[in-house]
Amino acid sequence: MWCGLQSSAVAFRSISFDLDGTFADTSGDLAGALNALRVELGQATLPVPDVARFVGRGARWLVSNCLEPAGDVEPLVLRFLELYAGCCSDTTAPYEGFDHLVSALRKRGLKVAIATNKPRRFTELIVDDLGWDSLFDGLHCGDDGPAKPDPSMIHACIKALQSSPEQHLHIGDTATDAQAAARAGCLFAGCFWGMDKGLSLTEMGLTGFAQPSDLIAAFRG
């Protein structure tokens, strides 16, 4: 169910943020690792937006669409992951004001978690390196179980936060997030500043928040 926030924020008991392209801009580090691999293969580097639009459906999808593999893609996926492990927090940062937003929401008594398809080892590296250890009530990652758009991650998040689908809001930037929220029976807010700039949400006929500041303002309203 789409949620405009203004009329429903008081009903929330728990909130989950997608990570890549929703809570944080991770595109520079993902593109850095991908382009480092392209250079190793003798291929020209790609602009960050051309890499970012393929983020959200796993490393295999990203590598398959952003490289020119001549054979088995699996060794390339493993090499990409190796490169990304060395740079995953180099330029990654929360979108402006989002770390303060999460702190404010938790002071209001809401439970807030990350629900991301990013593997746990990278998510925890980023959380540790950027000092987010005490920012969230939980981390739910893509290799903990079935990844989004399967609703299992959202269900696990809701259970861990001792909430219910009717009182839970998932915030994300892609159709993957919207579909997971719908299947979990919870509310959803779309972010149009993310990896594909809201293209997949638009294709679903959804509206949302154009800028991080718009979402922050809605919570204050």
Protein backbone atom coordinates (compact mmCIF):
# COMPACT_ATOMS: atom_id res chain seq x y z
CA MET A 1 0.00 0.00 0.00
CA TRP A 2 1.33 3.41 -0.96
CA CYS A 3 1.67 5.84 1.92
CA GLY A 4 1.94 9.60 1.68
CA LEU A 5 3.17 9.84 5.29
CA GLN A 6 1.39 13.03 6.26
CA SER A 7 -1.82 11.32 7.32
CA SER A 8 -0.29 8.10 8.59
CA ALA A 9 3.01 8.88 10.33
CA VAL A 10 1.47 8.81 13.79
CA ALA A 11 0.32 5.22 13.19
CA PHE A 12 3.80 3.86 12.48
CA ARG A 13 5.41 1.67 15.06
CA SER A 14 8.36 0.59 12.95
CA ILE A 15 10.21 1.65 9.80
CA SER A 16 12.71 -0.07 7.51
CA PHE A 17 14.97 1.72 5.07
CA ASP A 18 16.49 0.14 2.01
CA LEU A 19 20.21 0.98 2.00
CA ASP A 20 21.52 1.52 -1.55
CA GLY A 21 19.93 4.59 -3.11
CA THR A 22 17.49 5.12 -0.24
CA PHE A 23 19.26 5.73 3.06
CA ALA A 24 22.75 6.13 1.60
CA ASP A 25 24.42 6.98 -1.67
CA THR A 26 26.59 3.94 -2.33
CA SER A 27 26.81 4.47 -6.08
CA GLY A 28 30.34 5.89 -6.14
CA ASP A 29 31.89 2.91 -4.40
CA LEU A 30 29.90 0.37 -6.41
CA ALA A 31 30.90 2.08 -9.64
CA GLY A 32 34.49 2.32 -8.43
CA ALA A 33 34.73 -1.43 -7.95
CA LEU A 34 32.93 -2.17 -11.19
CA ASN A 35 35.13 0.21 -13.18
CA ALA A 36 38.27 -1.19 -11.58
CA LEU A 37 37.22 -4.57 -12.91
CA ARG A 38 36.48 -3.11 -16.34
CA VAL A 39 39.99 -1.65 -16.43
CA GLU A 40 41.46 -5.04 -15.51
CA LEU A 41 39.57 -6.47 -18.49
CA GLY A 42 40.74 -3.73 -20.83
CA GLN A 43 37.32 -2.08 -21.01
CA ALA A 44 36.57 1.64 -20.72
CA THR A 45 35.11 2.93 -17.47
CA LEU A 46 31.42 3.81 -17.21
CA PRO A 47 29.81 6.93 -15.69
CA VAL A 48 28.47 6.34 -12.19
CA PRO A 49 24.77 6.69 -13.22
CA ASP A 50 25.22 4.01 -15.90
CA VAL A 51 26.36 1.60 -13.19
CA ALA A 52 23.91 2.73 -10.52
CA ARG A 53 20.79 1.98 -12.55
CA PHE A 54 21.62 -1.74 -12.36
CA VAL A 55 22.05 -1.76 -8.57
CA GLY A 56 19.44 -3.53 -6.45
CA ARG A 57 19.15 -6.96 -8.01
CA GLY A 58 22.41 -8.48 -6.84
CA ALA A 59 26.04 -8.55 -7.95
CA ARG A 60 25.46 -11.02 -10.78
CA TRP A 61 22.87 -8.72 -12.36
CA LEU A 62 25.16 -5.71 -11.98
CA VAL A 63 28.20 -7.45 -13.45
CA SER A 64 26.22 -9.05 -16.28
CA ASN A 65 24.81 -5.68 -17.35
CA CYS A 66 27.88 -3.48 -16.80
CA LEU A 67 30.62 -5.68 -18.23
CA GLU A 68 31.15 -7.42 -21.53
CA PRO A 69 31.68 -11.00 -20.33
CA ALA A 70 33.07 -13.40 -22.91
CA GLY A 71 32.26 -16.54 -20.93
CA ASP A 72 31.36 -17.64 -17.42
CA VAL A 73 30.32 -14.60 -15.43
CA GLU A 74 30.90 -16.19 -12.01
CA PRO A 75 34.65 -15.42 -11.76
CA LEU A 76 33.86 -11.81 -12.66
CA VAL A 77 31.23 -11.61 -9.94
CA LEU A 78 33.68 -12.94 -7.38
CA ARG A 79 36.36 -10.48 -8.50
CA PHE A 80 33.88 -7.59 -8.34
CA LEU A 81 32.94 -8.55 -4.78
CA GLU A 82 36.62 -8.74 -3.85
CA LEU A 83 37.21 -5.25 -5.23
CA TYR A 84 34.08 -3.85 -3.59
CA ALA A 85 35.11 -5.22 -0.19
CA GLY A 86 38.16 -2.98 -0.37
CA CYS A 87 36.26 0.24 -1.13
CA CYS A 88 32.64 -0.18 0.01
CA SER A 89 32.79 2.68 2.52
CA ASP A 90 35.24 5.01 0.77
CA THR A 91 32.66 7.54 -0.45
CA THR A 92 29.39 6.06 0.83
CA ALA A 93 27.41 8.42 3.05
CA PRO A 94 23.82 8.91 4.22
CA TYR A 95 21.70 11.23 2.13
CA GLU A 96 21.71 14.62 3.81
CA GLY A 97 19.86 14.64 7.11
CA PHE A 98 18.93 10.96 7.16
CA ASP A 99 21.19 10.01 10.08
CA HIS A 100 19.60 12.78 12.13
CA LEU A 101 16.13 11.70 10.93
CA VAL A 102 16.66 8.16 12.19
CA SER A 103 17.85 9.44 15.56
CA ALA A 104 14.79 11.69 15.82
CA LEU A 105 12.41 8.88 14.89
CA ARG A 106 13.89 6.59 17.53
CA LYS A 107 13.58 9.33 20.15
CA ARG A 108 9.88 9.42 19.27
CA GLY A 109 9.69 5.74 20.16
CA LEU A 110 9.76 4.23 16.67
CA LYS A 111 11.89 1.20 15.84
CA VAL A 112 14.06 1.70 12.75
CA ALA A 113 15.99 -0.93 10.78
CA ILE A 114 17.83 -1.44 7.50
CA ALA A 115 16.33 -3.97 5.07
CA THR A 116 18.70 -4.33 2.12
CA ASN A 117 19.54 -6.85 -0.57
CA LYS A 118 23.21 -6.03 -0.02
CA PRO A 119 25.09 -9.02 1.46
CA ARG A 120 25.64 -8.84 5.21
CA ARG A 121 29.44 -8.67 5.04
CA PHE A 122 29.30 -5.42 3.04
CA THR A 123 26.42 -3.97 5.05
CA GLU A 124 28.27 -4.58 8.31
CA LEU A 125 31.50 -3.16 6.89
CA ILE A 126 29.69 0.04 5.94
CA VAL A 127 27.85 0.26 9.27
CA ASP A 128 31.08 -0.28 11.22
CA ASP A 129 33.22 2.06 9.12
CA LEU A 130 30.66 4.88 9.18
CA GLY A 131 29.80 4.54 12.87
CA TRP A 132 26.17 3.54 12.42
CA ASP A 133 26.35 0.72 15.00
CA SER A 134 23.98 2.47 17.41
CA LEU A 135 21.84 4.15 14.75
CA PHE A 136 19.55 1.23 13.85
CA ASP A 137 17.57 -1.33 15.81
CA GLY A 138 18.43 -4.05 13.32
CA LEU A 139 20.04 -5.02 10.02
CA HIS A 140 18.33 -7.40 7.58
CA CYS A 141 20.44 -8.36 4.58
CA GLY A 142 20.11 -10.05 1.23
CA ASP A 143 21.90 -13.25 2.18
CA ASP A 144 20.05 -13.79 5.48
CA GLY A 145 17.26 -15.49 3.53
CA PRO A 146 15.19 -14.83 0.40
CA ALA A 147 15.96 -11.34 -0.90
CA LYS A 148 13.45 -8.67 -1.90
CA PRO A 149 11.01 -8.67 -3.70
CA ASP A 150 10.27 -11.79 -1.65
CA PRO A 151 8.53 -10.47 1.48
CA SER A 152 10.49 -12.71 3.88
CA MET A 153 13.00 -9.97 4.74
CA ILE A 154 10.27 -7.47 5.56
CA HIS A 155 8.40 -10.07 7.62
CA ALA A 156 11.58 -10.86 9.56
CA CYS A 157 12.21 -7.16 10.11
CA ILE A 158 8.68 -6.57 11.40
CA LYS A 159 8.92 -9.54 13.76
CA ALA A 160 12.31 -8.45 15.11
CA LEU A 161 11.00 -4.94 15.73
CA GLN A 162 7.94 -6.38 17.54
CA SER A 163 5.62 -4.59 15.17
CA SER A 164 2.92 -5.60 12.67
CA PRO A 165 2.50 -5.13 8.90
CA GLU A 166 -0.25 -2.57 9.49
CA GLN A 167 2.10 -0.48 11.65
CA HIS A 168 5.22 -0.87 9.53
CA LEU A 169 6.55 1.41 6.79
CA HIS A 170 9.18 0.31 4.30
CA ILE A 171 11.04 3.06 2.43
CA GLY A 172 12.79 2.23 -0.84
CA ASP A 173 13.85 3.48 -4.24
CA THR A 174 13.00 0.62 -6.62
CA ALA A 175 10.20 -1.66 -7.73
CA THR A 176 11.94 -4.42 -5.78
CA ASP A 177 11.22 -2.53 -2.56
CA ALA A 178 7.66 -1.67 -3.54
CA GLN A 179 6.88 -5.28 -4.43
CA ALA A 180 8.39 -6.61 -1.21
CA ALA A 181 6.34 -4.15 0.86
CA ALA A 182 3.14 -4.99 -0.99
CA ARG A 183 3.67 -8.73 -0.53
CA ALA A 184 4.43 -8.20 3.16
CA GLY A 185 1.23 -6.20 3.58
CA CYS A 186 2.93 -3.11 4.96
CA LEU A 187 2.99 0.54 3.94
CA PHE A 188 5.51 1.81 1.39
CA ALA A 189 7.07 5.17 0.60
CA GLY A 190 8.94 5.60 -2.69
CA CYS A 191 12.21 7.53 -3.08
CA PHE A 192 12.83 9.10 -6.47
CA TRP A 193 16.45 10.13 -5.83
CA GLY A 194 17.75 6.55 -5.86
CA MET A 195 19.77 4.37 -8.16
CA ASP A 196 17.42 4.49 -11.14
CA LYS A 197 15.95 7.92 -10.24
CA GLY A 198 12.53 6.42 -9.66
CA LEU A 199 12.15 4.90 -13.13
CA SER A 200 10.96 1.50 -11.93
CA LEU A 201 8.57 3.11 -9.42
CA THR A 202 7.15 5.33 -12.16
CA GLU A 203 6.64 2.28 -14.36
CA MET A 204 4.55 0.80 -11.54
CA GLY A 205 2.41 3.93 -11.50
CA LEU A 206 3.66 5.03 -8.06
CA THR A 207 4.42 8.52 -6.86
CA GLY A 208 6.83 9.41 -4.10
CA PHE A 209 9.35 11.82 -2.67
CA ALA A 210 11.61 13.67 -5.09
CA GLN A 211 14.37 14.58 -2.63
CA PRO A 212 15.54 13.37 0.79
CA SER A 213 14.52 16.73 2.23
CA ASP A 214 10.92 16.06 1.09
CA LEU A 215 10.78 12.83 3.08
CA ILE A 216 12.27 14.52 6.14
CA ALA A 217 9.71 17.31 5.88
CA ALA A 218 6.87 14.78 5.62
CA PHE A 219 7.88 13.16 8.88
CA ARG A 220 7.85 16.56 10.52
CA GLY A 221 4.42 17.41 9.09
